[in-house]
Amino acid sequence: MTDEVQTTTFSISSDDGATDEITIPSGLVDLVAEGDQTDAETVGDVMLLSFASRAHHIVHHGEDADDELEAQEERVMELFEERFGVTFGEATGHQH
């Protein structure tokens, strides 16, 4: 049955020239897409949400967050708000 599920592969590249590919079920991309987003925009949104969520968890619910890690978390939250037009707390209902 899982062989019948269509997938889409996305390529990721970084400023240092490194690349990777990720393959995910196409239906999941469609499920989380908002409006007329492209598949790439949808994956970008999920990726930024994931990084913001993980950074938040490490800084606010983990142990031993240093100044550098807190600065990284603050910056990803700024980027989150720039992309989505709301704060991470407003988007997730998770306020501190």
N, C-alpha and C. Protein backbone atom coordinates (compact mmCIF):
# COMPACT_ATOMS: atom_id res chain seq x y z
N MET A 1 0.82 -1.20 0.00
CA MET A 1 0.00 0.00 0.00
C MET A 1 0.87 1.26 0.00
N THR A 2 1.96 1.26 0.75
CA THR A 2 2.77 2.48 0.81
C THR A 2 3.44 2.78 -0.52
N ASP A 3 3.63 1.77 -1.37
CA ASP A 3 4.20 2.01 -2.69
C ASP A 3 3.25 2.81 -3.58
N GLU A 4 1.98 2.83 -3.24
CA GLU A 4 0.98 3.56 -4.02
C GLU A 4 0.96 5.05 -3.68
N VAL A 5 1.58 5.45 -2.60
CA VAL A 5 1.57 6.84 -2.16
C VAL A 5 2.60 7.61 -2.98
N GLN A 6 2.13 8.64 -3.68
CA GLN A 6 3.03 9.47 -4.48
C GLN A 6 3.91 10.32 -3.57
N THR A 7 5.12 10.54 -4.00
CA THR A 7 6.05 11.35 -3.24
C THR A 7 6.59 12.49 -4.10
N THR A 8 7.11 13.49 -3.43
CA THR A 8 7.78 14.60 -4.09
C THR A 8 9.14 14.76 -3.43
N THR A 9 10.16 14.97 -4.25
CA THR A 9 11.52 15.16 -3.75
C THR A 9 11.90 16.63 -3.86
N PHE A 10 12.45 17.16 -2.80
CA PHE A 10 12.90 18.54 -2.74
C PHE A 10 14.40 18.56 -2.58
N SER A 11 15.05 19.48 -3.28
CA SER A 11 16.49 19.67 -3.16
C SER A 11 16.75 20.86 -2.25
N ILE A 12 17.74 20.71 -1.40
CA ILE A 12 18.12 21.77 -0.47
C ILE A 12 19.58 22.09 -0.74
N SER A 13 19.89 23.36 -0.82
CA SER A 13 21.29 23.76 -0.97
C SER A 13 21.59 24.87 0.02
N SER A 14 22.84 24.93 0.46
CA SER A 14 23.24 25.94 1.44
C SER A 14 24.29 26.86 0.82
N ASP A 15 24.55 27.96 1.52
CA ASP A 15 25.52 28.93 1.03
C ASP A 15 26.91 28.34 0.84
N ASP A 16 27.23 27.28 1.58
CA ASP A 16 28.56 26.68 1.46
C ASP A 16 28.64 25.62 0.36
N GLY A 17 27.57 25.48 -0.41
CA GLY A 17 27.57 24.56 -1.54
C GLY A 17 27.11 23.15 -1.21
N ALA A 18 26.83 22.86 0.04
CA ALA A 18 26.34 21.54 0.42
C ALA A 18 24.90 21.37 -0.08
N THR A 19 24.55 20.15 -0.42
CA THR A 19 23.20 19.86 -0.90
C THR A 19 22.66 18.60 -0.23
N ASP A 20 21.35 18.51 -0.24
CA ASP A 20 20.68 17.32 0.26
C ASP A 20 19.34 17.23 -0.45
N GLU A 21 18.73 16.08 -0.38
CA GLU A 21 17.39 15.90 -0.91
C GLU A 21 16.52 15.28 0.16
N ILE A 22 15.25 15.66 0.13
CA ILE A 22 14.27 15.09 1.06
C ILE A 22 13.06 14.67 0.24
N THR A 23 12.58 13.47 0.46
CA THR A 23 11.40 12.97 -0.23
C THR A 23 10.30 12.77 0.79
N ILE A 24 9.16 13.35 0.50
CA ILE A 24 8.02 13.24 1.41
C ILE A 24 6.76 12.93 0.60
N PRO A 25 5.75 12.36 1.24
CA PRO A 25 4.50 12.09 0.54
C PRO A 25 3.88 13.39 0.02
N SER A 26 3.51 13.39 -1.24
CA SER A 26 2.94 14.58 -1.87
C SER A 26 1.66 15.03 -1.19
N GLY A 27 0.89 14.10 -0.72
CA GLY A 27 -0.38 14.44 -0.05
C GLY A 27 -0.18 15.23 1.22
N LEU A 28 0.94 14.99 1.91
CA LEU A 28 1.21 15.75 3.13
C LEU A 28 1.52 17.21 2.80
N VAL A 29 2.22 17.41 1.69
CA VAL A 29 2.50 18.78 1.26
C VAL A 29 1.17 19.48 0.95
N ASP A 30 0.30 18.81 0.23
CA ASP A 30 -1.01 19.38 -0.09
C ASP A 30 -1.83 19.65 1.17
N LEU A 31 -1.72 18.77 2.15
CA LEU A 31 -2.49 18.87 3.38
C LEU A 31 -2.15 20.13 4.16
N VAL A 32 -0.88 20.48 4.24
CA VAL A 32 -0.48 21.62 5.05
C VAL A 32 -0.33 22.92 4.26
N ALA A 33 -0.46 22.86 2.94
CA ALA A 33 -0.36 24.07 2.12
C ALA A 33 -1.50 25.02 2.45
N GLU A 34 -1.18 26.31 2.37
CA GLU A 34 -2.20 27.33 2.60
C GLU A 34 -2.46 28.08 1.31
N GLY A 35 -3.72 28.11 0.90
CA GLY A 35 -4.08 28.85 -0.30
C GLY A 35 -3.38 28.32 -1.54
N ASP A 36 -2.81 29.22 -2.29
CA ASP A 36 -2.18 28.83 -3.55
C ASP A 36 -0.65 28.73 -3.43
N GLN A 37 -0.19 28.35 -2.25
CA GLN A 37 1.25 28.17 -2.05
C GLN A 37 1.80 27.12 -2.99
N THR A 38 3.04 27.35 -3.41
CA THR A 38 3.73 26.31 -4.15
C THR A 38 4.19 25.23 -3.17
N ASP A 39 4.53 24.08 -3.71
CA ASP A 39 5.04 23.01 -2.85
C ASP A 39 6.31 23.47 -2.13
N ALA A 40 7.18 24.18 -2.84
CA ALA A 40 8.43 24.65 -2.23
C ALA A 40 8.16 25.64 -1.10
N GLU A 41 7.20 26.54 -1.28
CA GLU A 41 6.86 27.48 -0.21
C GLU A 41 6.31 26.75 1.01
N THR A 42 5.51 25.74 0.76
CA THR A 42 4.94 24.96 1.86
C THR A 42 6.03 24.26 2.64
N VAL A 43 6.96 23.63 1.96
CA VAL A 43 8.06 22.96 2.64
C VAL A 43 8.92 23.97 3.37
N GLY A 44 9.13 25.14 2.79
CA GLY A 44 9.88 26.20 3.47
C GLY A 44 9.20 26.63 4.76
N ASP A 45 7.89 26.78 4.72
CA ASP A 45 7.14 27.13 5.92
C ASP A 45 7.31 26.08 7.01
N VAL A 46 7.17 24.83 6.63
CA VAL A 46 7.29 23.74 7.61
C VAL A 46 8.70 23.69 8.17
N MET A 47 9.70 23.91 7.33
CA MET A 47 11.07 23.88 7.80
C MET A 47 11.33 25.01 8.80
N LEU A 48 10.88 26.23 8.49
CA LEU A 48 11.09 27.34 9.41
C LEU A 48 10.32 27.11 10.71
N LEU A 49 9.10 26.62 10.63
CA LEU A 49 8.33 26.30 11.82
C LEU A 49 9.05 25.27 12.67
N SER A 50 9.62 24.27 12.03
CA SER A 50 10.33 23.22 12.76
C SER A 50 11.56 23.77 13.48
N PHE A 51 12.34 24.60 12.79
CA PHE A 51 13.52 25.18 13.43
C PHE A 51 13.13 26.10 14.58
N ALA A 52 12.10 26.91 14.38
CA ALA A 52 11.66 27.81 15.43
C ALA A 52 11.16 27.03 16.64
N SER A 53 10.39 25.98 16.39
CA SER A 53 9.86 25.16 17.47
C SER A 53 10.99 24.48 18.24
N ARG A 54 11.93 23.94 17.51
CA ARG A 54 13.04 23.24 18.16
C ARG A 54 13.90 24.21 18.97
N ALA A 55 14.20 25.37 18.39
CA ALA A 55 14.99 26.37 19.11
C ALA A 55 14.27 26.83 20.37
N HIS A 56 12.97 27.07 20.25
CA HIS A 56 12.18 27.49 21.40
C HIS A 56 12.26 26.43 22.51
N HIS A 57 12.08 25.19 22.12
CA HIS A 57 12.09 24.11 23.11
C HIS A 57 13.45 24.03 23.82
N ILE A 58 14.53 24.10 23.06
CA ILE A 58 15.85 23.99 23.66
C ILE A 58 16.11 25.14 24.62
N VAL A 59 15.78 26.37 24.20
CA VAL A 59 16.08 27.55 25.02
C VAL A 59 15.16 27.65 26.22
N HIS A 60 13.88 27.40 26.03
CA HIS A 60 12.91 27.65 27.10
C HIS A 60 12.51 26.42 27.91
N HIS A 61 12.79 25.24 27.39
CA HIS A 61 12.37 24.03 28.09
C HIS A 61 13.51 23.04 28.28
N GLY A 62 14.68 23.41 27.80
CA GLY A 62 15.85 22.55 27.94
C GLY A 62 16.72 23.02 29.09
N GLU A 63 17.95 22.66 29.01
CA GLU A 63 18.90 23.04 30.05
C GLU A 63 20.12 23.68 29.40
N ASP A 64 20.75 24.57 30.15
CA ASP A 64 22.04 25.12 29.77
C ASP A 64 22.05 25.89 28.46
N ALA A 65 21.04 26.71 28.21
CA ALA A 65 21.06 27.57 27.03
C ALA A 65 22.00 28.74 27.30
N ASP A 66 23.04 28.87 26.47
CA ASP A 66 23.99 29.96 26.66
C ASP A 66 23.56 31.18 25.83
N ASP A 67 24.31 32.25 25.93
CA ASP A 67 23.97 33.49 25.23
C ASP A 67 23.90 33.30 23.72
N GLU A 68 24.82 32.52 23.18
CA GLU A 68 24.83 32.29 21.73
C GLU A 68 23.58 31.55 21.29
N LEU A 69 23.19 30.53 22.00
CA LEU A 69 21.98 29.78 21.66
C LEU A 69 20.75 30.66 21.80
N GLU A 70 20.71 31.48 22.82
CA GLU A 70 19.58 32.39 22.98
C GLU A 70 19.52 33.40 21.84
N ALA A 71 20.66 33.85 21.36
CA ALA A 71 20.69 34.77 20.22
C ALA A 71 20.19 34.08 18.95
N GLN A 72 20.55 32.82 18.76
CA GLN A 72 20.08 32.05 17.60
C GLN A 72 18.56 31.90 17.66
N GLU A 73 18.05 31.59 18.84
CA GLU A 73 16.60 31.43 18.99
C GLU A 73 15.89 32.76 18.73
N GLU A 74 16.44 33.84 19.22
CA GLU A 74 15.84 35.16 18.99
C GLU A 74 15.81 35.49 17.50
N ARG A 75 16.90 35.17 16.80
CA ARG A 75 16.95 35.46 15.36
C ARG A 75 15.97 34.62 14.58
N VAL A 76 15.84 33.33 14.89
CA VAL A 76 14.88 32.51 14.15
C VAL A 76 13.45 32.98 14.41
N MET A 77 13.20 33.50 15.61
CA MET A 77 11.86 34.04 15.89
C MET A 77 11.60 35.32 15.09
N GLU A 78 12.63 36.13 14.88
CA GLU A 78 12.48 37.31 14.01
C GLU A 78 12.18 36.89 12.58
N LEU A 79 12.91 35.89 12.09
CA LEU A 79 12.68 35.40 10.74
C LEU A 79 11.30 34.78 10.60
N PHE A 80 10.86 34.09 11.65
CA PHE A 80 9.52 33.50 11.67
C PHE A 80 8.47 34.59 11.50
N GLU A 81 8.59 35.65 12.30
CA GLU A 81 7.61 36.74 12.25
C GLU A 81 7.65 37.45 10.90
N GLU A 82 8.83 37.61 10.32
CA GLU A 82 8.93 38.22 9.00
C GLU A 82 8.19 37.39 7.95
N ARG A 83 8.32 36.10 8.03
CA ARG A 83 7.72 35.22 7.01
C ARG A 83 6.21 35.08 7.21
N PHE A 84 5.77 34.93 8.46
CA PHE A 84 4.37 34.60 8.71
C PHE A 84 3.52 35.80 9.13
N GLY A 85 4.15 36.90 9.52
CA GLY A 85 3.39 38.08 9.91
C GLY A 85 2.79 38.02 11.30
N VAL A 86 3.15 37.00 12.06
CA VAL A 86 2.73 36.85 13.46
C VAL A 86 3.90 36.28 14.23
N THR A 87 3.87 36.46 15.53
CA THR A 87 4.93 35.87 16.35
C THR A 87 4.74 34.36 16.45
N PHE A 88 5.80 33.68 16.86
CA PHE A 88 5.73 32.25 17.09
C PHE A 88 4.65 31.93 18.12
N GLY A 89 4.61 32.74 19.20
CA GLY A 89 3.62 32.55 20.24
C GLY A 89 2.20 32.71 19.73
N GLU A 90 1.98 33.70 18.88
CA GLU A 90 0.64 33.92 18.32
C GLU A 90 0.26 32.76 17.38
N ALA A 91 1.22 32.29 16.61
CA ALA A 91 0.94 31.20 15.65
C ALA A 91 0.68 29.88 16.34
N THR A 92 1.35 29.63 17.44
CA THR A 92 1.25 28.33 18.08
C THR A 92 0.39 28.32 19.34
N GLY A 93 0.07 29.53 19.83
CA GLY A 93 -0.66 29.60 21.09
C GLY A 93 0.21 29.30 22.28
N HIS A 94 1.50 29.26 22.07
CA HIS A 94 2.45 28.93 23.12
C HIS A 94 3.20 30.19 23.51
N GLN A 95 2.73 30.85 24.54
CA GLN A 95 3.30 32.12 24.97
C GLN A 95 4.09 31.92 26.26
N HIS A 96 5.11 32.73 26.44
CA HIS A 96 5.86 32.75 27.71
C HIS A 96 5.79 34.13 28.27
